[in-house]
Protein backbone atom coordinates (compact mmCIF):
# COMPACT_ATOMS: atom_id res chain seq x y z
CA MET A 1 20.42 -6.90 24.08
CA THR A 2 18.38 -8.16 26.98
CA SER A 3 17.09 -11.47 28.22
CA ASP A 4 14.07 -11.26 30.50
CA PRO A 5 11.98 -14.12 31.85
CA ALA A 6 8.33 -13.75 31.05
CA GLY A 7 5.15 -15.41 32.18
CA PRO A 8 3.13 -17.93 30.21
CA PRO A 9 2.43 -16.77 26.65
CA ALA A 10 -0.91 -15.12 25.91
CA ALA A 11 -3.71 -16.99 24.23
CA PRO A 12 -3.51 -17.03 20.42
CA GLY A 13 -6.40 -14.60 20.15
CA ASN A 14 -4.55 -12.04 22.27
CA VAL A 15 -1.18 -12.19 20.56
CA ASP A 16 -0.12 -8.76 19.32
CA ARG A 17 -0.64 -8.32 15.59
CA SER A 18 2.87 -7.03 15.14
CA ILE A 19 4.27 -10.49 15.85
CA ARG A 20 5.23 -11.78 12.45
CA ARG A 21 4.90 -15.53 12.10
CA ARG A 22 6.64 -17.38 9.30
CA ARG A 23 6.36 -20.91 8.00
CA SER A 24 8.79 -23.34 9.51
CA ARG A 25 11.65 -24.52 7.35
CA PRO A 26 13.26 -27.95 7.68
CA LEU A 27 15.05 -28.30 11.00
CA VAL A 28 18.79 -27.91 10.77
CA THR A 29 20.41 -30.99 12.25
CA GLY A 30 22.13 -30.26 15.56
CA ARG A 31 24.58 -32.19 17.66
CA ARG A 32 23.41 -33.96 20.79
CA GLY A 33 25.80 -35.94 22.95
CA LEU A 34 28.90 -35.82 25.14
CA THR A 35 31.06 -32.75 25.06
CA THR A 36 34.83 -32.89 24.70
CA ARG A 37 35.07 -32.69 28.47
CA GLY A 38 32.60 -35.55 28.87
CA ARG A 39 34.43 -37.77 26.39
CA CYS A 40 37.78 -37.06 28.05
CA LEU A 41 36.37 -37.85 31.50
CA LEU A 42 34.83 -41.09 30.25
CA ALA A 43 38.00 -42.21 28.46
CA GLY A 44 40.23 -41.17 31.34
CA GLY A 45 37.98 -42.88 33.89
CA VAL A 46 37.96 -46.15 31.96
CA ALA A 47 41.76 -46.00 31.55
CA ALA A 48 42.19 -45.25 35.26
CA CYS A 49 39.99 -48.22 36.18
CA VAL A 50 42.00 -50.56 33.94
CA CYS A 51 45.27 -49.32 35.42
CA ALA A 52 43.88 -49.61 38.96
CA VAL A 53 42.93 -53.25 38.38
CA ILE A 54 46.33 -54.04 36.91
CA LEU A 55 48.23 -52.21 39.66
CA ASP A 56 45.80 -53.17 42.43
CA GLU A 57 45.31 -49.50 43.40
CA ARG A 58 41.93 -49.00 45.05
CA ASP A 59 42.24 -45.21 45.32
CA LEU A 60 42.93 -44.97 41.61
CA LEU A 61 39.92 -47.21 40.98
CA ARG A 62 37.68 -44.86 42.97
CA VAL A 63 38.94 -41.86 40.97
CA GLY A 64 38.46 -43.75 37.71
CA LEU A 65 34.94 -44.79 38.59
CA LEU A 66 34.04 -41.23 39.56
CA ALA A 67 35.44 -39.84 36.31
CA ALA A 68 33.68 -42.48 34.21
CA LEU A 69 30.35 -42.33 36.00
CA LEU A 70 30.02 -38.54 35.94
CA PRO A 71 29.27 -38.24 32.19
CA MET A 72 27.14 -41.41 32.34
CA ILE A 73 24.99 -39.92 35.12
CA ALA A 74 24.71 -36.69 33.14
CA TRP A 75 23.57 -38.72 30.13
CA CYS A 76 20.93 -40.53 32.19
CA ILE A 77 19.54 -37.31 33.68
CA THR A 78 19.83 -34.94 30.71
CA ALA A 79 19.88 -36.96 27.53
CA THR A 80 16.84 -39.06 28.35
CA ARG A 81 14.73 -35.98 29.12
CA ARG A 82 14.07 -34.12 25.90
CA THR A 83 13.46 -30.37 26.24
CA HIS A 84 10.73 -28.96 23.99
CA LEU A 85 11.21 -25.33 22.99
CA SER A 86 9.42 -23.02 20.59
CA ALA A 87 10.28 -19.51 19.47
CA ILE A 88 8.77 -16.57 17.65
CA HIS A 89 10.16 -13.29 16.33
CA GLN A 90 8.57 -9.88 16.83
CA VAL A 91 9.90 -7.19 14.50
CA LEU A 92 9.22 -3.56 15.42
CA PRO A 93 8.52 -1.67 13.27
CA GLU A 94 7.38 -4.11 10.63
CA ARG A 95 9.00 -2.06 7.85
CA LEU A 96 12.18 -0.04 7.86
CA SER A 97 13.80 2.44 5.52
CA PRO A 98 17.56 2.82 4.98
CA GLY A 99 18.99 4.66 7.97
CA MET A 100 16.17 3.64 10.31
CA SER A 101 16.59 1.57 13.46
CA GLY A 102 14.33 -1.11 14.89
CA ARG A 103 14.36 -4.06 17.24
CA VAL A 104 13.74 -7.78 17.15
CA ARG A 105 12.20 -9.46 20.19
CA LEU A 106 12.89 -13.19 20.18
CA ILE A 107 10.45 -15.03 22.47
CA VAL A 108 11.53 -18.52 23.54
CA THR A 109 8.91 -20.69 25.29
CA ASN A 110 9.30 -23.91 27.26
CA ASP A 111 6.67 -26.29 25.85
CA GLY A 112 7.95 -29.29 27.75
CA ALA A 113 6.64 -30.94 30.90
CA SER A 114 9.56 -30.01 33.16
CA ARG A 115 11.84 -27.10 33.97
CA THR A 116 14.67 -26.47 31.53
CA ARG A 117 18.33 -26.05 32.22
CA PRO A 118 19.86 -22.60 31.47
CA ILE A 119 19.80 -22.04 27.72
CA GLU A 120 22.57 -20.47 25.66
CA LEU A 121 20.86 -18.63 22.77
CA ILE A 122 22.61 -17.57 19.58
CA GLU A 123 21.09 -15.77 16.59
CA ARG A 124 23.40 -15.13 13.69
CA ALA A 125 24.11 -11.66 12.35
CA THR A 126 22.29 -10.49 9.23
CA GLU A 127 24.47 -8.50 6.86
CA ASP A 128 23.48 -4.83 6.51
CA LEU A 129 20.76 -5.27 9.14
CA SER A 130 21.84 -6.62 12.55
CA THR A 131 24.73 -7.96 14.58
CA GLY A 132 22.66 -10.85 15.93
CA ALA A 133 22.32 -11.96 19.55
CA HIS A 134 24.23 -14.16 22.01
CA CYS A 135 22.96 -14.48 25.59
CA LEU A 136 22.19 -16.90 28.40
CA ILE A 137 18.54 -17.51 29.30
CA PRO A 138 17.85 -18.69 32.87
CA SER A 139 16.01 -21.96 33.41
CA LEU A 140 12.37 -21.76 32.38
CA PRO A 141 9.49 -23.41 34.24
CA ARG A 142 6.91 -25.28 32.23
CA GLY A 143 4.88 -22.96 29.96
CA HIS A 144 7.01 -19.89 30.68
CA SER A 145 8.85 -17.70 28.18
CA ALA A 146 11.95 -15.53 28.01
CA VAL A 147 12.38 -12.52 25.75
CA THR A 148 15.66 -11.55 24.11
CA SER A 149 15.84 -8.35 22.11
CA TYR A 150 18.50 -6.94 19.83
CA ALA A 151 18.80 -3.91 17.58
CA LEU A 152 18.22 -3.59 13.84
CA SER A 153 19.97 -0.95 11.75
CA ALA A 154 18.90 -0.88 8.11
CA ARG A 155 21.72 0.12 5.78
CA ARG A 156 20.08 -0.67 2.44
CA ARG A 157 16.70 -1.62 1.04
CA GLY A 158 15.77 -5.24 0.44
CA ARG A 159 14.12 -8.27 2.00
CA PHE A 160 16.11 -9.77 4.86
CA VAL A 161 15.60 -12.94 6.89
CA VAL A 162 16.45 -13.06 10.59
CA GLY A 163 16.90 -16.42 12.26
CA PRO A 164 16.91 -19.28 12.88
CA PRO A 165 17.94 -19.15 16.55
CA GLN A 166 20.36 -21.76 17.84
CA VAL A 167 20.01 -23.04 21.40
CA LYS A 168 22.45 -25.00 23.52
CA LEU A 169 21.54 -26.87 26.72
CA GLY A 170 23.78 -28.93 28.93
CA ASP A 171 24.32 -30.42 32.39
CA PRO A 172 25.90 -28.45 35.26
CA PHE A 173 29.28 -30.14 34.78
CA GLY A 174 29.51 -29.45 31.06
CA THR A 175 29.81 -33.11 30.08
CA TRP A 176 26.66 -33.32 27.93
CA GLU A 177 25.18 -30.81 25.50
CA ASP A 178 22.17 -30.52 23.22
CA ASN A 179 22.73 -28.18 20.27
CA ARG A 180 19.74 -27.57 18.06
CA THR A 181 18.31 -25.02 15.66
CA LEU A 182 14.72 -23.87 16.10
CA PRO A 183 13.03 -23.67 12.67
CA VAL A 184 11.77 -20.11 13.13
CA PHE A 185 12.38 -17.28 10.67
CA ALA A 186 11.10 -13.74 10.22
CA GLU A 187 11.28 -11.42 7.23
CA VAL A 188 12.28 -7.80 7.59
CA LEU A 189 11.39 -5.59 4.64
CA VAL A 190 13.50 -2.47 4.18
CA VAL A 191 11.56 -0.25 1.79
CA PRO A 192 12.91 2.67 -0.25
CA THR A 193 13.16 6.10 1.29
CA VAL A 194 10.05 8.17 0.47
CA VAL A 195 10.40 11.93 0.07
CA PRO A 196 7.28 14.13 0.55
CA LEU A 197 6.36 15.83 -2.72
CA GLN A 198 4.04 18.65 -3.68
CA GLY A 199 2.23 19.45 -6.90
CA SER A 200 1.44 17.36 -9.93
CA PRO A 201 1.76 17.82 -13.70
CA THR A 202 -1.65 18.34 -15.28
CA SER A 203 -2.86 15.09 -16.82
CA GLY A 204 -5.20 14.85 -19.74
CA GLY A 205 -5.57 11.12 -19.40
CA SER A 206 -8.73 9.14 -18.82
CA LEU A 207 -10.09 8.62 -15.36
CA SER A 208 -9.20 5.53 -13.46
CA ALA A 209 -11.09 2.32 -13.95
CA ALA A 210 -11.80 2.06 -10.27
CA SER A 211 -13.57 5.42 -10.16
CA GLY A 212 -16.05 4.46 -12.86
CA ARG A 213 -16.30 8.02 -14.09
CA ALA A 214 -16.26 9.36 -17.61
CA SER A 215 -14.09 12.36 -18.32
CA LYS A 216 -16.85 13.98 -20.29
CA GLY A 217 -18.69 14.48 -17.01
CA THR A 218 -16.23 17.14 -15.91
CA ILE A 219 -17.69 20.57 -16.38
CA GLY A 220 -15.94 23.84 -17.20
CA GLY A 221 -14.99 25.67 -14.05
CA ASP A 222 -15.62 22.73 -11.68
CA PRO A 223 -12.84 20.29 -12.56
CA ASP A 224 -13.64 17.92 -9.69
CA VAL A 225 -17.42 17.74 -10.23
CA ALA A 226 -19.01 14.82 -12.10
CA VAL A 227 -22.63 14.99 -13.24
CA ARG A 228 -25.33 12.74 -14.62
CA GLN A 229 -28.82 13.21 -16.03
CA TYR A 230 -31.61 14.02 -13.57
CA GLN A 231 -33.77 11.07 -12.48
CA ARG A 232 -37.10 11.08 -10.71
CA GLY A 233 -36.59 11.25 -6.97
CA ASP A 234 -33.31 13.16 -7.07
CA ASP A 235 -32.97 16.04 -4.62
CA ILE A 236 -33.54 19.33 -6.43
CA ARG A 237 -30.68 20.82 -4.43
CA THR A 238 -28.23 18.58 -6.31
CA VAL A 239 -29.09 20.08 -9.70
CA HIS A 240 -26.01 21.51 -11.42
CA TRP A 241 -27.48 24.50 -13.25
CA ARG A 242 -24.39 25.32 -15.31
CA ALA A 243 -24.23 21.77 -16.65
CA SER A 244 -28.00 21.76 -17.22
CA ALA A 245 -27.70 24.88 -19.36
CA ARG A 246 -24.80 23.37 -21.29
CA TYR A 247 -26.53 20.06 -22.04
CA ASP A 248 -30.03 21.55 -22.32
CA ASN A 249 -31.24 18.97 -19.81
CA LEU A 250 -31.44 18.74 -16.05
CA MET A 251 -28.16 17.42 -14.68
CA VAL A 252 -27.38 16.56 -11.05
CA ARG A 253 -24.08 16.70 -9.24
CA LEU A 254 -22.52 13.42 -8.10
CA THR A 255 -21.48 13.39 -4.46
CA GLU A 256 -18.79 10.72 -4.77
CA PRO A 257 -15.19 11.88 -5.08
CA VAL A 258 -13.83 12.01 -8.59
CA SER A 259 -10.56 10.36 -9.46
CA HIS A 260 -8.01 12.71 -10.96
CA GLY A 261 -7.02 10.26 -13.66
CA GLY A 262 -4.62 7.52 -14.58
CA ALA A 263 -0.88 7.87 -14.15
CA THR A 264 1.99 5.57 -15.06
CA VAL A 265 5.34 5.65 -13.28
CA LEU A 266 8.04 4.01 -15.38
CA LEU A 267 11.27 2.98 -13.66
CA ASP A 268 14.31 2.23 -15.79
CA HIS A 269 16.50 -0.22 -13.86
CA ARG A 270 18.70 -1.50 -16.68
CA ALA A 271 22.23 -2.29 -15.57
CA ALA A 272 23.59 -0.36 -18.55
CA ALA A 273 21.68 2.75 -17.51
CA HIS A 274 23.02 3.14 -13.95
CA ARG A 275 26.35 3.74 -12.28
CA GLY A 276 27.71 3.45 -8.78
CA ALA A 277 27.33 0.70 -6.21
CA GLY A 278 25.35 0.13 -3.04
CA VAL A 279 23.34 2.84 -1.36
CA ASP A 280 25.25 5.57 -3.23
CA SER A 281 24.35 4.32 -6.71
CA SER A 282 22.11 6.08 -9.21
CA LEU A 283 19.71 3.12 -9.01
CA GLU A 284 18.94 3.87 -5.35
CA VAL A 285 18.10 7.47 -6.24
CA ALA A 286 15.83 6.26 -9.04
CA VAL A 287 14.06 3.76 -6.78
CA SER A 288 13.54 6.36 -4.05
CA LEU A 289 12.17 8.84 -6.58
CA ALA A 290 9.84 6.22 -8.09
CA ALA A 291 8.46 5.35 -4.66
CA SER A 292 7.99 9.01 -3.78
CA VAL A 293 6.23 9.86 -7.04
CA ALA A 294 3.97 6.81 -6.96
CA LEU A 295 2.86 7.40 -3.37
CA HIS A 296 2.38 11.11 -4.04
CA LEU A 297 0.11 10.41 -7.02
CA LEU A 298 -1.82 7.82 -5.00
CA GLY A 299 -2.39 10.46 -2.35
CA GLN A 300 -3.91 12.65 -5.05
CA ASP A 301 -6.41 9.90 -5.96
CA HIS A 302 -4.75 8.85 -9.21
CA HIS A 303 -5.07 5.35 -10.54
CA VAL A 304 -1.34 4.52 -10.59
CA ARG A 305 0.55 1.89 -12.54
CA LEU A 306 4.15 1.28 -11.57
CA VAL A 307 5.97 -0.45 -14.41
CA SER A 308 9.54 -1.37 -15.20
CA HIS A 309 11.31 -0.51 -18.44
CA THR A 310 10.30 -3.93 -19.79
CA GLY A 311 6.60 -3.14 -19.37
CA ARG A 312 6.21 -5.49 -16.40
CA VAL A 313 3.63 -4.11 -13.97
CA LEU A 314 5.05 -3.95 -10.45
CA ALA A 315 1.86 -2.55 -8.92
CA GLY A 316 -1.39 -1.09 -10.17
CA GLY A 317 -4.59 0.36 -8.74
CA HIS A 318 -5.70 2.89 -6.14
CA ASP A 319 -4.87 1.38 -2.74
CA ILE A 320 -1.45 -0.05 -3.63
CA THR A 321 0.92 1.70 -1.24
CA ASP A 322 2.09 -1.60 0.24
CA ASP A 323 2.49 -3.17 -3.21
CA VAL A 324 4.57 -0.24 -4.44
CA LEU A 325 6.94 -0.31 -1.47
CA ALA A 326 7.23 -4.09 -1.43
CA GLY A 327 7.89 -4.27 -5.17
CA LEU A 328 10.56 -1.57 -5.12
CA ALA A 329 12.22 -2.97 -1.97
CA VAL A 330 13.47 -6.04 -3.85
CA LEU A 331 14.11 -4.45 -7.25
CA THR A 332 17.56 -5.15 -8.68
CA LEU A 333 19.47 -4.22 -11.80
CA ASP A 334 18.31 -5.87 -15.01
CA GLU A 335 21.39 -7.14 -16.80
CA SER A 336 19.83 -7.99 -20.16
CA GLY A 337 16.61 -5.99 -20.45
CA SER A 338 15.87 -3.15 -22.84
CA VAL A 339 13.18 -0.47 -22.95
CA SER A 340 9.89 -1.88 -24.20
CA PRO A 341 7.37 0.16 -26.25
CA ALA A 342 4.59 -1.21 -24.01
CA ALA A 343 6.06 0.68 -21.06
CA VAL A 344 5.88 4.01 -22.93
CA SER A 345 2.75 3.71 -25.05
CA VAL A 346 0.29 4.50 -22.26
CA PRO A 347 -2.49 7.10 -21.96
CA GLY A 348 -2.75 9.84 -19.38
CA LEU A 349 0.19 11.00 -17.31
CA LEU A 350 3.54 9.25 -17.80
CA ILE A 351 6.40 9.84 -15.36
CA ALA A 352 9.51 8.11 -16.70
CA ILE A 353 12.46 7.85 -14.31
CA LEU A 354 15.35 7.03 -16.59
CA GLY A 355 19.02 6.28 -16.35
CA GLN A 356 21.61 6.88 -19.05
CA LEU A 357 20.00 6.46 -22.49
CA ASP A 358 21.57 5.28 -25.68
CA ARG A 359 20.33 6.35 -29.11
CA ALA A 360 18.15 3.27 -29.58
CA SER A 361 16.37 3.75 -26.25
CA ALA A 362 15.83 7.46 -26.90
CA ALA A 363 14.41 6.75 -30.34
CA LEU A 364 12.01 4.21 -28.83
CA LEU A 365 10.83 6.72 -26.21
CA ILE A 366 10.14 9.24 -28.94
CA ALA A 367 8.37 6.81 -31.27
CA ALA A 368 6.30 4.96 -28.67
CA LYS A 369 4.90 8.01 -26.85
CA ARG A 370 1.27 8.72 -27.65
CA ARG A 371 0.42 12.18 -28.86
CA SER A 372 -2.13 12.71 -26.07
CA THR A 373 0.19 11.49 -23.30
CA ASN A 374 1.51 14.07 -20.86
CA ALA A 375 5.05 12.70 -20.58
CA VAL A 376 7.68 13.76 -18.05
CA ALA A 377 11.21 12.36 -18.20
CA LEU A 378 13.29 12.52 -15.02
CA ILE A 379 16.74 11.57 -16.29
CA LEU A 380 19.60 10.74 -13.95
CA ALA A 381 22.98 12.01 -15.09
CA ALA A 382 24.37 8.54 -14.43
CA ASP A 383 27.88 9.40 -15.63
CA GLU A 384 28.22 11.72 -12.61
CA TRP A 385 27.91 8.64 -10.36
CA GLY A 386 31.04 7.22 -12.02
CA GLY A 387 32.03 5.76 -15.35
CA PRO A 388 32.51 7.30 -18.78
CA PRO A 389 30.44 10.37 -19.75
CA ALA A 390 27.37 10.04 -21.96
CA GLU A 391 28.08 10.01 -25.69
CA TRP A 392 25.33 12.51 -26.50
CA ASP A 393 22.71 14.74 -24.91
CA VAL A 394 19.27 13.13 -25.16
CA GLY A 395 17.36 16.03 -23.64
CA PRO A 396 16.71 18.22 -26.71
CA GLN A 397 15.47 15.27 -28.78
CA LEU A 398 12.96 14.24 -26.12
CA ILE A 399 11.77 17.82 -25.64
CA SER A 400 11.19 18.25 -29.36
CA ALA A 401 9.04 15.08 -29.24
CA GLY A 402 6.78 16.52 -26.53
CA TRP A 403 8.52 15.31 -23.36
CA ARG A 404 9.20 17.53 -20.37
CA VAL A 405 12.76 16.73 -19.31
CA VAL A 406 14.48 17.31 -15.96
CA LEU A 407 18.03 16.18 -15.23
CA ILE A 408 18.97 14.77 -11.81
CA HIS A 409 22.47 15.13 -10.40
CA PRO A 410 24.05 13.40 -7.38
CA GLY A 411 22.92 15.05 -4.16
CA ASP A 412 19.91 16.79 -5.68
CA ASP A 413 16.86 17.40 -3.51
CA LEU A 414 14.23 15.10 -5.00
CA ALA A 415 11.40 17.35 -3.80
CA MET A 416 12.93 20.21 -5.78
CA VAL A 417 13.39 17.96 -8.79
CA TRP A 418 9.69 17.06 -8.69
CA ARG A 419 8.68 20.69 -8.24
CA ARG A 420 10.68 21.59 -11.33
CA ALA A 421 8.96 18.79 -13.26
CA CYS A 422 5.57 20.19 -12.24
CA THR A 423 6.44 23.76 -13.25
CA ILE A 424 4.37 24.97 -16.16
CA GLY A 425 6.55 26.66 -18.76
CA ASP A 426 8.63 26.12 -21.81
CA GLY A 427 10.17 22.67 -21.97
CA PHE A 428 13.50 23.92 -23.27
CA ALA A 429 13.75 26.50 -20.49
CA SER A 430 12.95 23.87 -17.87
CA PHE A 431 15.59 21.56 -19.31
CA ALA A 432 18.17 24.34 -19.41
CA GLN A 433 17.55 25.12 -15.77
CA SER A 434 17.75 21.46 -14.78
CA ARG A 435 21.19 21.14 -16.35
CA GLU A 436 22.47 23.10 -13.39
CA ARG A 437 22.69 21.40 -10.03
CA VAL A 438 19.34 21.54 -8.18
CA SER A 439 19.85 23.51 -5.00
């Protein structure tokens, strides 16, 4: 933690973009007035003056007047001159993941017309994120700033609020103080841990809406080539002769990139489906896997929909990396929800990240799945995170209904889990292998 005086703040147009401004909240009422020392001096001085008059002691009167006038002079000099301060937080980096470290730079600026007294600055600790700050800022000339920085250490995902800073000013004798809270806050978003993945299950779904392509334009041995009918003025070098022979008409190759198709990532965050608590719970593994899969599919140009078990869309589209991370950062257990058919009955590629399933939920997954959907179930063995064991093994029933099933155990390498899900082979063999701990 440091406190460094700085020069006048830069013009608004030159302020670094990483400075995260937040709307001001109502000002917390502070205390402004005599300190305990000031009140004791005033009361003692008045009492000494009274006693001096009664006893006719001039020396005692002088001491009493000095003791009584000292806090009054401090009030006249300090209390009648209001200090105007402003503050702003700078969070670097803007987003953290569990286990990452960062810093907060708190910039306090003197907006008043005169030099300030030394300022005692306090920023409260934020649970699972920071220990806060407590330092003394030297007096600031008009228009100047001081920077205080302190460390951030993210222990879990979520949205955290740092601030507001509390400032305390007083006179040199400690008889008067001005305690106030500056209405400045900043949000720190701790997003789920993302694991790099490789490969992708082959999807037979339709192409994404954003790409504007029709799947029938894909030709035989060129899976990433889209074609259309030849129009006057087209470059002859763009003619796709294999497609022309197939359609018995001149066809030209489109130069735009082709989307690989639509994919849905379903995240089951029912409270009844997960075990464990905090960062070591099965929910955290499921959230991290959902974030990793969604971002991996986005990187492969899929149109991705991230949905919860209730069918609620958390994010959808092509360029939704920020939406995916922000939505999953604040996701919590659903105490009363159940699996909705709308979350399962989707076309294309379906990646379902599931917790412990009961018979009703398994039956719904089997009944709601479309025949043309390429469905992959990544099931967490939630009972291994604590609690009673599962009543029955849902894997064989899902496999017989056309699902590819992979079990996830505590401590498994999520990249290996995904690679197993992408392996082409017999579903029962894949499930049998996944019953063993992924190395």
